[in-house]
Amino acid sequence: MEHLIKVLQEKKLTLSLCESFTGGLMASELCKTPGASNVFLGSIVAYSKQAKIDVVHVEPSLIEQFGMISPLVVKDMAEKTRILFHSDFCIAFSGNAGPDATEGKPVGLWYGALTSEHKTLIFSGISNMNRNALRTAAVEKGVKILMEELRNNDEWLINR
């Protein structure tokens, strides 16, 4: 996390989060690092369907049609949260860490989304790890993808 915060500071960029099955894990990890307050604007933990709708303003029709654990719902979570916080980037996560299948989707399936004003990238994973290992793996993948995009792609911040 230290390297991510350093790169965001160097580029004068900000980050917000919308976490469901990760339960605030990424926000907690970010806040352990000195200087996080310079780049991390905040996080919403929208664990329930109602929180996704009422707090994040996810379109109820998306949840009804695709379920809470879906690429389109996590994309909407990221895009709406980025707007709420006025951040340059937002990462969102939604998934099922178990112990039971949800919405006919297997335990261990999760989706993430990284968004800016100009682009959104969806990523995912599925594993039979225990719930805490799965949450950690999702956060690590989200950080890795953001770092790769910060290094390799300026199209995220067109007109900045």
N, C-alpha and C. Protein backbone atom coordinates (compact mmCIF):
# COMPACT_ATOMS: atom_id res chain seq x y z
N MET A 1 0.82 -1.20 0.00
CA MET A 1 0.00 0.00 0.00
C MET A 1 0.86 1.26 0.00
N GLU A 2 2.03 1.18 0.64
CA GLU A 2 2.89 2.36 0.69
C GLU A 2 3.26 2.84 -0.70
N HIS A 3 3.58 1.89 -1.58
CA HIS A 3 3.97 2.27 -2.94
C HIS A 3 2.79 2.89 -3.69
N LEU A 4 1.60 2.33 -3.52
CA LEU A 4 0.41 2.90 -4.16
C LEU A 4 0.18 4.33 -3.70
N ILE A 5 0.26 4.56 -2.41
CA ILE A 5 0.04 5.91 -1.88
C ILE A 5 1.10 6.86 -2.40
N LYS A 6 2.34 6.40 -2.48
CA LYS A 6 3.42 7.24 -2.99
C LYS A 6 3.17 7.64 -4.45
N VAL A 7 2.78 6.68 -5.27
CA VAL A 7 2.52 6.97 -6.69
C VAL A 7 1.33 7.91 -6.84
N LEU A 8 0.27 7.68 -6.09
CA LEU A 8 -0.88 8.59 -6.16
C LEU A 8 -0.49 10.00 -5.73
N GLN A 9 0.33 10.12 -4.69
CA GLN A 9 0.80 11.43 -4.24
C GLN A 9 1.63 12.12 -5.32
N GLU A 10 2.55 11.37 -5.92
CA GLU A 10 3.41 11.94 -6.97
C GLU A 10 2.59 12.45 -8.14
N LYS A 11 1.52 11.74 -8.48
CA LYS A 11 0.69 12.11 -9.62
C LYS A 11 -0.46 13.04 -9.23
N LYS A 12 -0.54 13.36 -7.92
CA LYS A 12 -1.60 14.23 -7.41
C LYS A 12 -3.00 13.70 -7.76
N LEU A 13 -3.19 12.41 -7.46
CA LEU A 13 -4.44 11.72 -7.75
C LEU A 13 -5.09 11.25 -6.46
N THR A 14 -6.41 11.07 -6.52
CA THR A 14 -7.16 10.63 -5.35
C THR A 14 -7.90 9.33 -5.63
N LEU A 15 -8.23 8.64 -4.54
CA LEU A 15 -8.86 7.32 -4.62
C LEU A 15 -10.01 7.25 -3.62
N SER A 16 -11.10 6.63 -4.04
CA SER A 16 -12.19 6.26 -3.14
C SER A 16 -12.47 4.78 -3.36
N LEU A 17 -13.24 4.20 -2.43
CA LEU A 17 -13.54 2.78 -2.49
C LEU A 17 -15.01 2.53 -2.21
N CYS A 18 -15.53 1.44 -2.78
CA CYS A 18 -16.84 0.92 -2.42
C CYS A 18 -16.68 -0.58 -2.23
N GLU A 19 -16.74 -1.01 -0.99
CA GLU A 19 -16.45 -2.40 -0.67
C GLU A 19 -17.71 -3.11 -0.18
N SER A 20 -17.92 -4.29 -0.71
CA SER A 20 -19.01 -5.14 -0.24
C SER A 20 -18.41 -6.32 0.49
N PHE A 21 -18.08 -7.40 -0.20
CA PHE A 21 -17.60 -8.60 0.50
C PHE A 21 -16.24 -8.40 1.15
N THR A 22 -15.48 -7.41 0.73
CA THR A 22 -14.19 -7.13 1.38
C THR A 22 -14.37 -6.39 2.69
N GLY A 23 -15.56 -5.87 2.95
CA GLY A 23 -15.92 -5.33 4.25
C GLY A 23 -15.04 -4.23 4.79
N GLY A 24 -14.47 -3.41 3.92
CA GLY A 24 -13.62 -2.32 4.38
C GLY A 24 -12.16 -2.69 4.53
N LEU A 25 -11.79 -3.88 4.08
CA LEU A 25 -10.40 -4.35 4.22
C LEU A 25 -9.42 -3.44 3.49
N MET A 26 -9.73 -3.05 2.26
CA MET A 26 -8.80 -2.20 1.51
C MET A 26 -8.67 -0.84 2.18
N ALA A 27 -9.78 -0.29 2.63
CA ALA A 27 -9.73 1.00 3.32
C ALA A 27 -8.86 0.90 4.57
N SER A 28 -9.03 -0.16 5.31
CA SER A 28 -8.24 -0.37 6.52
C SER A 28 -6.75 -0.47 6.20
N GLU A 29 -6.43 -1.21 5.16
CA GLU A 29 -5.02 -1.35 4.77
C GLU A 29 -4.44 -0.02 4.31
N LEU A 30 -5.19 0.75 3.54
CA LEU A 30 -4.71 2.06 3.11
C LEU A 30 -4.43 2.97 4.30
N CYS A 31 -5.33 2.94 5.27
CA CYS A 31 -5.21 3.86 6.42
C CYS A 31 -4.06 3.51 7.35
N LYS A 32 -3.47 2.35 7.21
CA LYS A 32 -2.31 1.98 8.01
C LYS A 32 -1.06 2.73 7.57
N THR A 33 -1.11 3.32 6.38
CA THR A 33 0.07 3.93 5.77
C THR A 33 0.07 5.44 5.99
N PRO A 34 1.16 5.98 6.55
CA PRO A 34 1.27 7.43 6.69
C PRO A 34 1.14 8.11 5.33
N GLY A 35 0.42 9.20 5.29
CA GLY A 35 0.23 9.93 4.04
C GLY A 35 -1.03 9.53 3.29
N ALA A 36 -1.72 8.51 3.78
CA ALA A 36 -2.93 8.05 3.09
C ALA A 36 -3.96 9.17 2.95
N SER A 37 -4.03 10.03 3.95
CA SER A 37 -5.05 11.08 3.92
C SER A 37 -4.83 12.09 2.80
N ASN A 38 -3.64 12.09 2.21
CA ASN A 38 -3.37 12.98 1.08
C ASN A 38 -4.02 12.50 -0.22
N VAL A 39 -4.34 11.20 -0.29
CA VAL A 39 -4.85 10.64 -1.54
C VAL A 39 -6.14 9.84 -1.39
N PHE A 40 -6.39 9.31 -0.20
CA PHE A 40 -7.56 8.47 0.04
C PHE A 40 -8.68 9.32 0.60
N LEU A 41 -9.77 9.45 -0.18
CA LEU A 41 -10.87 10.33 0.21
C LEU A 41 -11.91 9.65 1.09
N GLY A 42 -12.06 8.34 0.96
CA GLY A 42 -13.02 7.65 1.79
C GLY A 42 -13.52 6.38 1.15
N SER A 43 -14.33 5.66 1.92
CA SER A 43 -14.84 4.37 1.49
C SER A 43 -16.27 4.18 1.97
N ILE A 44 -17.04 3.48 1.18
CA ILE A 44 -18.37 3.04 1.58
C ILE A 44 -18.33 1.52 1.66
N VAL A 45 -18.79 0.98 2.78
CA VAL A 45 -18.97 -0.47 2.89
C VAL A 45 -20.45 -0.72 2.70
N ALA A 46 -20.80 -1.17 1.51
CA ALA A 46 -22.20 -1.43 1.15
C ALA A 46 -22.38 -2.94 1.08
N TYR A 47 -22.55 -3.53 2.25
CA TYR A 47 -22.58 -4.98 2.36
C TYR A 47 -23.91 -5.56 1.91
N SER A 48 -24.99 -4.87 2.18
CA SER A 48 -26.32 -5.39 1.85
C SER A 48 -26.84 -4.82 0.53
N LYS A 49 -27.84 -5.50 0.00
CA LYS A 49 -28.51 -5.02 -1.21
C LYS A 49 -29.07 -3.62 -0.98
N GLN A 50 -29.71 -3.41 0.17
CA GLN A 50 -30.33 -2.12 0.43
C GLN A 50 -29.30 -1.01 0.54
N ALA A 51 -28.15 -1.29 1.13
CA ALA A 51 -27.08 -0.28 1.21
C ALA A 51 -26.58 0.08 -0.18
N LYS A 52 -26.47 -0.91 -1.05
CA LYS A 52 -26.03 -0.62 -2.42
C LYS A 52 -27.02 0.32 -3.11
N ILE A 53 -28.30 0.09 -2.87
CA ILE A 53 -29.34 0.91 -3.50
C ILE A 53 -29.46 2.28 -2.83
N ASP A 54 -29.58 2.30 -1.51
CA ASP A 54 -29.87 3.55 -0.79
C ASP A 54 -28.67 4.46 -0.60
N VAL A 55 -27.51 3.89 -0.38
CA VAL A 55 -26.32 4.70 -0.09
C VAL A 55 -25.51 4.97 -1.35
N VAL A 56 -25.25 3.92 -2.12
CA VAL A 56 -24.41 4.06 -3.32
C VAL A 56 -25.24 4.47 -4.53
N HIS A 57 -26.53 4.23 -4.49
CA HIS A 57 -27.44 4.54 -5.59
C HIS A 57 -27.25 3.61 -6.79
N VAL A 58 -26.91 2.35 -6.51
CA VAL A 58 -26.87 1.34 -7.57
C VAL A 58 -28.29 1.19 -8.10
N GLU A 59 -28.40 1.05 -9.40
CA GLU A 59 -29.70 0.88 -10.04
C GLU A 59 -30.34 -0.43 -9.58
N PRO A 60 -31.50 -0.38 -8.94
CA PRO A 60 -32.16 -1.61 -8.48
C PRO A 60 -32.39 -2.61 -9.62
N SER A 61 -32.66 -2.10 -10.81
CA SER A 61 -32.91 -3.00 -11.95
C SER A 61 -31.68 -3.83 -12.30
N LEU A 62 -30.49 -3.28 -12.09
CA LEU A 62 -29.27 -4.06 -12.33
C LEU A 62 -29.16 -5.22 -11.35
N ILE A 63 -29.46 -4.93 -10.09
CA ILE A 63 -29.40 -5.98 -9.07
C ILE A 63 -30.46 -7.05 -9.35
N GLU A 64 -31.66 -6.62 -9.71
CA GLU A 64 -32.74 -7.58 -9.99
C GLU A 64 -32.40 -8.46 -11.19
N GLN A 65 -31.82 -7.86 -12.22
CA GLN A 65 -31.55 -8.61 -13.44
C GLN A 65 -30.30 -9.47 -13.35
N PHE A 66 -29.22 -8.95 -12.72
CA PHE A 66 -27.94 -9.65 -12.74
C PHE A 66 -27.47 -10.15 -11.39
N GLY A 67 -28.08 -9.69 -10.30
CA GLY A 67 -27.66 -10.07 -8.96
C GLY A 67 -26.59 -9.14 -8.42
N MET A 68 -26.39 -9.18 -7.11
CA MET A 68 -25.41 -8.29 -6.48
C MET A 68 -23.98 -8.65 -6.84
N ILE A 69 -23.74 -9.91 -7.15
CA ILE A 69 -22.40 -10.36 -7.51
C ILE A 69 -22.36 -10.46 -9.03
N SER A 70 -22.08 -9.33 -9.66
CA SER A 70 -22.07 -9.28 -11.13
C SER A 70 -21.19 -8.14 -11.61
N PRO A 71 -20.65 -8.27 -12.81
CA PRO A 71 -19.80 -7.21 -13.35
C PRO A 71 -20.52 -5.87 -13.47
N LEU A 72 -21.78 -5.87 -13.89
CA LEU A 72 -22.49 -4.61 -14.09
C LEU A 72 -22.81 -3.91 -12.78
N VAL A 73 -23.10 -4.68 -11.73
CA VAL A 73 -23.37 -4.07 -10.43
C VAL A 73 -22.10 -3.48 -9.85
N VAL A 74 -20.99 -4.20 -9.92
CA VAL A 74 -19.74 -3.67 -9.35
C VAL A 74 -19.27 -2.45 -10.15
N LYS A 75 -19.52 -2.44 -11.44
CA LYS A 75 -19.20 -1.27 -12.28
C LYS A 75 -20.01 -0.06 -11.82
N ASP A 76 -21.31 -0.27 -11.59
CA ASP A 76 -22.17 0.82 -11.13
C ASP A 76 -21.74 1.30 -9.75
N MET A 77 -21.36 0.37 -8.88
CA MET A 77 -20.87 0.74 -7.54
C MET A 77 -19.66 1.66 -7.66
N ALA A 78 -18.70 1.28 -8.49
CA ALA A 78 -17.47 2.07 -8.64
C ALA A 78 -17.76 3.44 -9.23
N GLU A 79 -18.54 3.47 -10.29
CA GLU A 79 -18.81 4.75 -10.96
C GLU A 79 -19.60 5.71 -10.06
N LYS A 80 -20.59 5.21 -9.36
CA LYS A 80 -21.39 6.07 -8.49
C LYS A 80 -20.57 6.56 -7.29
N THR A 81 -19.74 5.69 -6.73
CA THR A 81 -18.93 6.09 -5.57
C THR A 81 -17.88 7.12 -5.97
N ARG A 82 -17.28 6.96 -7.14
CA ARG A 82 -16.28 7.95 -7.59
C ARG A 82 -16.93 9.33 -7.69
N ILE A 83 -18.14 9.37 -8.19
CA ILE A 83 -18.86 10.65 -8.30
C ILE A 83 -19.18 11.21 -6.91
N LEU A 84 -19.63 10.35 -6.00
CA LEU A 84 -19.96 10.81 -4.64
C LEU A 84 -18.76 11.45 -3.94
N PHE A 85 -17.58 10.87 -4.14
CA PHE A 85 -16.38 11.37 -3.46
C PHE A 85 -15.60 12.39 -4.29
N HIS A 86 -15.96 12.57 -5.56
CA HIS A 86 -15.21 13.46 -6.45
C HIS A 86 -13.74 13.03 -6.53
N SER A 87 -13.52 11.72 -6.60
CA SER A 87 -12.15 11.20 -6.65
C SER A 87 -11.74 10.95 -8.10
N ASP A 88 -10.43 10.88 -8.30
CA ASP A 88 -9.92 10.55 -9.63
C ASP A 88 -10.19 9.09 -9.98
N PHE A 89 -10.04 8.22 -8.98
CA PHE A 89 -10.26 6.78 -9.17
C PHE A 89 -11.16 6.25 -8.08
N CYS A 90 -11.84 5.16 -8.40
CA CYS A 90 -12.57 4.39 -7.39
C CYS A 90 -12.39 2.91 -7.72
N ILE A 91 -12.21 2.13 -6.68
CA ILE A 91 -12.20 0.67 -6.81
C ILE A 91 -13.39 0.15 -6.01
N ALA A 92 -14.14 -0.78 -6.61
CA ALA A 92 -15.26 -1.41 -5.93
C ALA A 92 -15.10 -2.92 -5.98
N PHE A 93 -15.65 -3.59 -4.97
CA PHE A 93 -15.62 -5.05 -4.89
C PHE A 93 -16.99 -5.57 -4.48
N SER A 94 -17.40 -6.69 -5.08
CA SER A 94 -18.58 -7.41 -4.65
C SER A 94 -18.35 -8.89 -4.92
N GLY A 95 -18.70 -9.72 -3.96
CA GLY A 95 -18.46 -11.15 -4.15
C GLY A 95 -19.09 -11.98 -3.07
N ASN A 96 -18.79 -13.26 -3.11
CA ASN A 96 -19.32 -14.21 -2.14
C ASN A 96 -18.17 -14.97 -1.51
N ALA A 97 -17.89 -14.66 -0.25
CA ALA A 97 -16.82 -15.33 0.49
C ALA A 97 -17.33 -16.54 1.26
N GLY A 98 -18.60 -16.89 1.10
CA GLY A 98 -19.14 -18.10 1.71
C GLY A 98 -19.81 -17.85 3.04
N PRO A 99 -20.31 -18.87 3.66
CA PRO A 99 -20.07 -20.29 3.34
C PRO A 99 -21.04 -20.87 2.31
N ASP A 100 -22.11 -20.15 1.94
CA ASP A 100 -23.12 -20.71 1.04
C ASP A 100 -23.17 -19.95 -0.28
N ALA A 101 -23.58 -20.65 -1.33
CA ALA A 101 -23.78 -20.00 -2.63
C ALA A 101 -24.89 -18.96 -2.49
N THR A 102 -24.78 -17.89 -3.27
CA THR A 102 -25.75 -16.80 -3.26
C THR A 102 -26.18 -16.52 -4.69
N GLU A 103 -27.46 -16.30 -4.91
CA GLU A 103 -27.98 -15.94 -6.23
C GLU A 103 -27.58 -16.98 -7.29
N GLY A 104 -27.39 -18.22 -6.86
CA GLY A 104 -26.98 -19.26 -7.79
C GLY A 104 -25.53 -19.14 -8.25
N LYS A 105 -24.76 -18.30 -7.56
CA LYS A 105 -23.36 -18.09 -7.91
C LYS A 105 -22.48 -18.76 -6.87
N PRO A 106 -21.37 -19.34 -7.31
CA PRO A 106 -20.57 -20.15 -6.40
C PRO A 106 -19.85 -19.33 -5.32
N VAL A 107 -19.61 -19.99 -4.21
CA VAL A 107 -18.75 -19.42 -3.17
C VAL A 107 -17.38 -19.20 -3.79
N GLY A 108 -16.78 -18.07 -3.48
CA GLY A 108 -15.44 -17.77 -3.98
C GLY A 108 -15.42 -16.89 -5.22
N LEU A 109 -16.58 -16.62 -5.81
CA LEU A 109 -16.66 -15.75 -6.99
C LEU A 109 -16.74 -14.29 -6.54
N TRP A 110 -15.95 -13.45 -7.16
CA TRP A 110 -16.01 -12.02 -6.85
C TRP A 110 -15.68 -11.20 -8.09
N TYR A 111 -16.13 -9.95 -8.07
CA TYR A 111 -15.84 -8.99 -9.14
C TYR A 111 -15.30 -7.71 -8.52
N GLY A 112 -14.45 -7.05 -9.29
CA GLY A 112 -13.96 -5.73 -8.91
C GLY A 112 -14.07 -4.81 -10.10
N ALA A 113 -14.07 -3.52 -9.83
CA ALA A 113 -14.08 -2.51 -10.89
C ALA A 113 -13.17 -1.37 -10.49
N LEU A 114 -12.39 -0.91 -11.44
CA LEU A 114 -11.56 0.28 -11.29
C LEU A 114 -12.11 1.30 -12.26
N THR A 115 -12.41 2.49 -11.77
CA THR A 115 -13.00 3.50 -12.65
C THR A 115 -12.36 4.86 -12.45
N SER A 116 -12.34 5.62 -13.55
CA SER A 116 -12.00 7.04 -13.53
C SER A 116 -13.12 7.74 -14.30
N GLU A 117 -12.99 9.01 -14.52
CA GLU A 117 -14.02 9.73 -15.27
C GLU A 117 -14.14 9.21 -16.70
N HIS A 118 -13.06 8.64 -17.24
CA HIS A 118 -13.01 8.31 -18.66
C HIS A 118 -12.99 6.82 -18.98
N LYS A 119 -12.84 5.98 -17.98
CA LYS A 119 -12.65 4.56 -18.28
C LYS A 119 -13.03 3.72 -17.06
N THR A 120 -13.57 2.53 -17.33
CA THR A 120 -13.83 1.55 -16.27
C THR A 120 -13.29 0.20 -16.71
N LEU A 121 -12.62 -0.47 -15.80
CA LEU A 121 -12.05 -1.79 -16.04
C LEU A 121 -12.65 -2.76 -15.02
N ILE A 122 -13.18 -3.87 -15.51
CA ILE A 122 -13.74 -4.91 -14.63
C ILE A 122 -12.72 -6.02 -14.51
N PHE A 123 -12.57 -6.55 -13.29
CA PHE A 123 -11.69 -7.70 -13.07
C PHE A 123 -12.41 -8.65 -12.12
N SER A 124 -11.96 -9.89 -12.05
CA SER A 124 -12.69 -10.86 -11.24
C SER A 124 -11.76 -11.96 -10.76
N GLY A 125 -12.31 -12.79 -9.92
CA GLY A 125 -11.57 -13.95 -9.43
C GLY A 125 -12.54 -14.99 -8.93
N ILE A 126 -12.07 -16.21 -8.87
CA ILE A 126 -12.83 -17.29 -8.23
C ILE A 126 -11.82 -18.23 -7.61
N SER A 127 -12.10 -18.64 -6.39
CA SER A 127 -11.15 -19.47 -5.66
C SER A 127 -11.87 -20.20 -4.54
N ASN A 128 -11.27 -21.28 -4.09
CA ASN A 128 -11.81 -22.00 -2.94
C ASN A 128 -11.07 -21.65 -1.65
N MET A 129 -10.40 -20.49 -1.62
CA MET A 129 -9.72 -20.02 -0.41
C MET A 129 -10.74 -19.79 0.71
N ASN A 130 -10.25 -19.73 1.94
CA ASN A 130 -11.15 -19.34 3.03
C ASN A 130 -11.52 -17.87 2.85
N ARG A 131 -12.55 -17.43 3.55
CA ARG A 131 -13.12 -16.10 3.30
C ARG A 131 -12.11 -14.97 3.48
N ASN A 132 -11.29 -15.02 4.49
CA ASN A 132 -10.35 -13.92 4.70
C ASN A 132 -9.24 -13.92 3.66
N ALA A 133 -8.78 -15.09 3.25
CA ALA A 133 -7.78 -15.17 2.18
C ALA A 133 -8.36 -14.65 0.86
N LEU A 134 -9.62 -14.97 0.60
CA LEU A 134 -10.28 -14.51 -0.62
C LEU A 134 -10.41 -12.99 -0.63
N ARG A 135 -10.81 -12.41 0.50
CA ARG A 135 -10.93 -10.95 0.61
C ARG A 135 -9.57 -10.30 0.39
N THR A 136 -8.54 -10.86 1.00
CA THR A 136 -7.19 -10.32 0.84
C THR A 136 -6.73 -10.42 -0.61
N ALA A 137 -7.00 -11.55 -1.25
CA ALA A 137 -6.60 -11.73 -2.65
C ALA A 137 -7.29 -10.71 -3.56
N ALA A 138 -8.55 -10.44 -3.30
CA ALA A 138 -9.28 -9.45 -4.11
C ALA A 138 -8.66 -8.07 -3.95
N VAL A 139 -8.39 -7.68 -2.72
CA VAL A 139 -7.77 -6.36 -2.47
C VAL A 139 -6.41 -6.29 -3.14
N GLU A 140 -5.61 -7.33 -3.01
CA GLU A 140 -4.28 -7.33 -3.64
C GLU A 140 -4.38 -7.20 -5.15
N LYS A 141 -5.36 -7.88 -5.76
CA LYS A 141 -5.54 -7.77 -7.21
C LYS A 141 -5.98 -6.36 -7.59
N GLY A 142 -6.87 -5.76 -6.81
CA GLY A 142 -7.30 -4.39 -7.08
C GLY A 142 -6.14 -3.41 -7.04
N VAL A 143 -5.28 -3.55 -6.04
CA VAL A 143 -4.10 -2.68 -5.92
C VAL A 143 -3.16 -2.91 -7.10
N LYS A 144 -2.93 -4.17 -7.45
CA LYS A 144 -2.04 -4.50 -8.56
C LYS A 144 -2.54 -3.89 -9.87
N ILE A 145 -3.83 -4.01 -10.12
CA ILE A 145 -4.39 -3.46 -11.36
C ILE A 145 -4.28 -1.94 -11.39
N LEU A 146 -4.59 -1.29 -10.28
CA LEU A 146 -4.46 0.17 -10.25
C LEU A 146 -3.01 0.58 -10.47
N MET A 147 -2.07 -0.10 -9.84
CA MET A 147 -0.65 0.23 -10.03
C MET A 147 -0.24 0.05 -11.49
N GLU A 148 -0.66 -1.05 -12.10
CA GLU A 148 -0.33 -1.29 -13.52
C GLU A 148 -0.90 -0.20 -14.40
N GLU A 149 -2.12 0.20 -14.15
CA GLU A 149 -2.75 1.23 -14.97
C GLU A 149 -2.09 2.59 -14.75
N LEU A 150 -1.70 2.89 -13.53
CA LEU A 150 -1.00 4.16 -13.26
C LEU A 150 0.34 4.21 -13.98
N ARG A 151 1.00 3.07 -14.07
CA ARG A 151 2.31 3.00 -14.74
C ARG A 151 2.20 3.06 -16.25
N ASN A 152 1.16 2.44 -16.81
CA ASN A 152 1.14 2.17 -18.24
C ASN A 152 0.14 2.95 -19.07
N ASN A 153 -0.83 3.59 -18.47
CA ASN A 153 -1.91 4.17 -19.26
C ASN A 153 -2.27 5.57 -18.79
N ASP A 154 -2.09 6.54 -19.67
CA ASP A 154 -2.52 7.90 -19.37
C ASP A 154 -3.96 8.16 -19.78
N GLU A 155 -4.57 7.23 -20.52
CA GLU A 155 -5.94 7.44 -21.00
C GLU A 155 -6.95 7.50 -19.86
N TRP A 156 -6.56 7.05 -18.68
CA TRP A 156 -7.45 7.13 -17.52
C TRP A 156 -7.76 8.58 -17.16
N LEU A 157 -6.86 9.47 -17.48
CA LEU A 157 -6.99 10.85 -17.00
C LEU A 157 -6.96 11.86 -18.14
N ILE A 158 -7.59 11.53 -19.23
CA ILE A 158 -7.67 12.45 -20.36
C ILE A 158 -8.29 13.76 -19.88
N ASN A 159 -7.76 14.86 -20.35
CA ASN A 159 -8.25 16.21 -20.01
C ASN A 159 -8.01 16.60 -18.56
N ARG A 160 -7.09 15.96 -17.89
CA ARG A 160 -6.82 16.32 -16.49
C ARG A 160 -5.80 17.42 -16.44
